Amino acid sequence: MFNRIRISTTLFLILILCGILQIGSNGMSFWAFRDDLQRLNQVEQSNQQRAALAQTRAVMLQASTALNKAGTLTALSYPADDIKTLMTTARASLTQSTTLFKSFMAMTAGNEHVRALQKETEKSFARWHNDLEHQAT
């Protein structure tokens, strides 16, 4: 009789142990899913930041190209209307680049390292933008 009680108690303890392991496993899976979701959100945010910065760079390159063409046409004594059109395009591109860069800077920075990188990017943008504005005057 005691043998049966020992066997049933042992089986019951094994069943409880399996239940505890199952609950622990589910909890760990939940934590892993939560961490993965946070990482996915970080990757998504960094992709949006990269896209905004790439758009800003493309518009700045358009402005630079327009200013270079205007300078070349001026040196070759082309009509003033062609040059004015290029200068208008360059100024519009500079305005658009400022708007795009503001949207990039409006995105939240994650940690201190990211904030430092954003500040360096802001300095670099300001330097390049000021050089192009000076060239456009």
Protein backbone atom coordinates (compact mmCIF):
# COMPACT_ATOMS: atom_id res chain seq x y z
CA MET A 1 0.00 0.00 0.00
CA PHE A 2 2.84 2.39 0.84
CA ASN A 3 4.50 1.46 -2.44
CA ARG A 4 1.43 2.66 -4.34
CA ILE A 5 1.36 5.87 -2.34
CA ARG A 6 5.03 6.46 -3.06
CA ILE A 7 4.54 5.81 -6.78
CA SER A 8 1.50 8.07 -7.05
CA THR A 9 3.21 10.78 -5.00
CA THR A 10 6.30 10.51 -7.20
CA LEU A 11 4.19 10.74 -10.35
CA PHE A 12 2.32 13.70 -8.90
CA LEU A 13 5.61 15.46 -8.05
CA ILE A 14 6.91 14.77 -11.56
CA LEU A 15 3.69 16.24 -12.97
CA ILE A 16 4.09 19.36 -10.80
CA LEU A 17 7.74 19.68 -11.85
CA CYS A 18 6.76 19.46 -15.54
CA GLY A 19 4.09 22.12 -14.98
CA ILE A 20 6.59 24.44 -13.32
CA LEU A 21 9.06 23.90 -16.17
CA GLN A 22 6.31 24.64 -18.70
CA ILE A 23 5.34 27.87 -16.92
CA GLY A 24 9.01 28.91 -16.71
CA SER A 25 9.51 28.16 -20.39
CA ASN A 26 6.47 30.23 -21.37
CA GLY A 27 7.66 33.12 -19.22
CA MET A 28 11.09 33.05 -20.81
CA SER A 29 9.49 32.97 -24.26
CA PHE A 30 7.41 36.02 -23.34
CA TRP A 31 10.53 37.92 -22.25
CA ALA A 32 12.31 36.93 -25.45
CA PHE A 33 9.35 38.13 -27.56
CA ARG A 34 9.24 41.42 -25.66
CA ASP A 35 12.99 41.98 -26.10
CA ASP A 36 12.74 41.10 -29.79
CA LEU A 37 9.91 43.60 -30.22
CA GLN A 38 12.01 46.33 -28.61
CA ARG A 39 14.95 45.51 -30.88
CA LEU A 40 12.67 45.48 -33.92
CA ASN A 41 11.36 48.92 -32.98
CA GLN A 42 14.94 50.20 -32.62
CA VAL A 43 15.88 48.81 -36.04
CA GLU A 44 12.76 50.33 -37.58
CA GLN A 45 13.52 53.72 -36.05
CA SER A 46 17.14 53.64 -37.22
CA ASN A 47 15.97 52.72 -40.73
CA GLN A 48 13.65 55.73 -40.73
CA GLN A 49 16.49 57.96 -39.55
CA ARG A 50 18.80 56.60 -42.23
CA ALA A 51 16.16 57.16 -44.92
CA ALA A 52 15.56 60.75 -43.79
CA LEU A 53 19.29 61.44 -43.74
CA ALA A 54 19.74 59.86 -47.18
CA GLN A 55 16.96 62.06 -48.59
CA THR A 56 18.61 65.12 -47.07
CA ARG A 57 21.95 64.17 -48.59
CA ALA A 58 20.38 63.59 -52.02
CA VAL A 59 18.74 67.02 -51.99
CA MET A 60 21.99 68.65 -50.85
CA LEU A 61 23.82 66.96 -53.72
CA GLN A 62 21.18 68.29 -56.13
CA ALA A 63 21.76 71.80 -54.80
CA SER A 64 25.52 71.36 -55.10
CA THR A 65 25.22 70.11 -58.66
CA ALA A 66 22.93 73.00 -59.62
CA LEU A 67 25.35 75.51 -58.11
CA ASN A 68 28.30 73.92 -59.91
CA LYS A 69 26.43 74.07 -63.22
CA ALA A 70 25.49 77.70 -62.58
CA GLY A 71 29.13 78.54 -61.87
CA THR A 72 30.26 76.80 -65.04
CA LEU A 73 27.62 78.55 -67.13
CA THR A 74 28.62 81.90 -65.61
CA ALA A 75 32.26 81.28 -66.50
CA LEU A 76 31.25 80.38 -70.05
CA SER A 77 29.10 83.55 -70.39
CA TYR A 78 25.77 81.78 -70.88
CA PRO A 79 22.51 83.75 -70.75
CA ALA A 80 21.47 85.01 -67.32
CA ASP A 81 18.06 83.30 -67.53
CA ASP A 82 19.65 79.84 -67.59
CA ILE A 83 21.81 80.71 -64.62
CA LYS A 84 18.88 82.20 -62.66
CA THR A 85 16.88 79.02 -63.21
CA LEU A 86 19.71 76.92 -61.80
CA MET A 87 20.14 79.27 -58.84
CA THR A 88 16.40 79.09 -58.08
CA THR A 89 16.58 75.31 -58.21
CA ALA A 90 19.58 75.32 -55.89
CA ARG A 91 17.88 77.61 -53.36
CA ALA A 92 14.73 75.46 -53.43
CA SER A 93 16.85 72.37 -52.85
CA LEU A 94 18.57 74.04 -49.90
CA THR A 95 15.21 74.94 -48.38
CA GLN A 96 13.98 71.38 -48.89
CA SER A 97 17.14 69.96 -47.35
CA THR A 98 16.60 72.09 -44.25
CA THR A 99 13.06 70.74 -43.90
CA LEU A 100 14.21 67.16 -44.37
CA PHE A 101 17.02 67.56 -41.87
CA LYS A 102 14.64 69.02 -39.30
CA SER A 103 12.46 65.92 -39.70
CA PHE A 104 15.57 63.78 -39.13
CA MET A 105 16.49 65.70 -35.99
CA ALA A 106 12.91 65.46 -34.70
CA MET A 107 13.25 61.69 -34.45
CA THR A 108 14.04 60.62 -30.91
CA ALA A 109 17.54 59.50 -30.07
CA GLY A 110 17.95 56.26 -28.18
CA ASN A 111 20.99 56.52 -25.95
CA GLU A 112 23.85 58.92 -25.29
CA HIS A 113 25.98 57.50 -28.12
CA VAL A 114 23.18 58.10 -30.63
CA ARG A 115 22.69 61.66 -29.35
CA ALA A 116 26.41 62.34 -29.79
CA LEU A 117 26.26 61.03 -33.36
CA GLN A 118 23.23 63.22 -34.06
CA LYS A 119 25.10 66.29 -32.80
CA GLU A 120 28.07 65.49 -35.05
CA THR A 121 25.70 65.00 -37.98
CA GLU A 122 24.04 68.32 -37.20
CA LYS A 123 27.43 70.09 -37.19
CA SER A 124 28.40 68.47 -40.48
CA PHE A 125 25.06 69.37 -42.07
CA ALA A 126 25.30 72.97 -40.87
CA ARG A 127 28.82 73.30 -42.26
CA TRP A 128 27.86 71.84 -45.66
CA HIS A 129 24.60 73.82 -45.80
CA ASN A 130 26.35 77.09 -44.94
CA ASP A 131 28.98 76.46 -47.63
CA LEU A 132 26.27 75.88 -50.23
CA GLU A 133 24.30 78.95 -49.07
CA HIS A 134 27.46 81.04 -49.34
CA GLN A 135 28.00 79.67 -52.84
CA ALA A 136 24.37 80.51 -53.75
CA THR A 137 24.74 84.20 -52.85
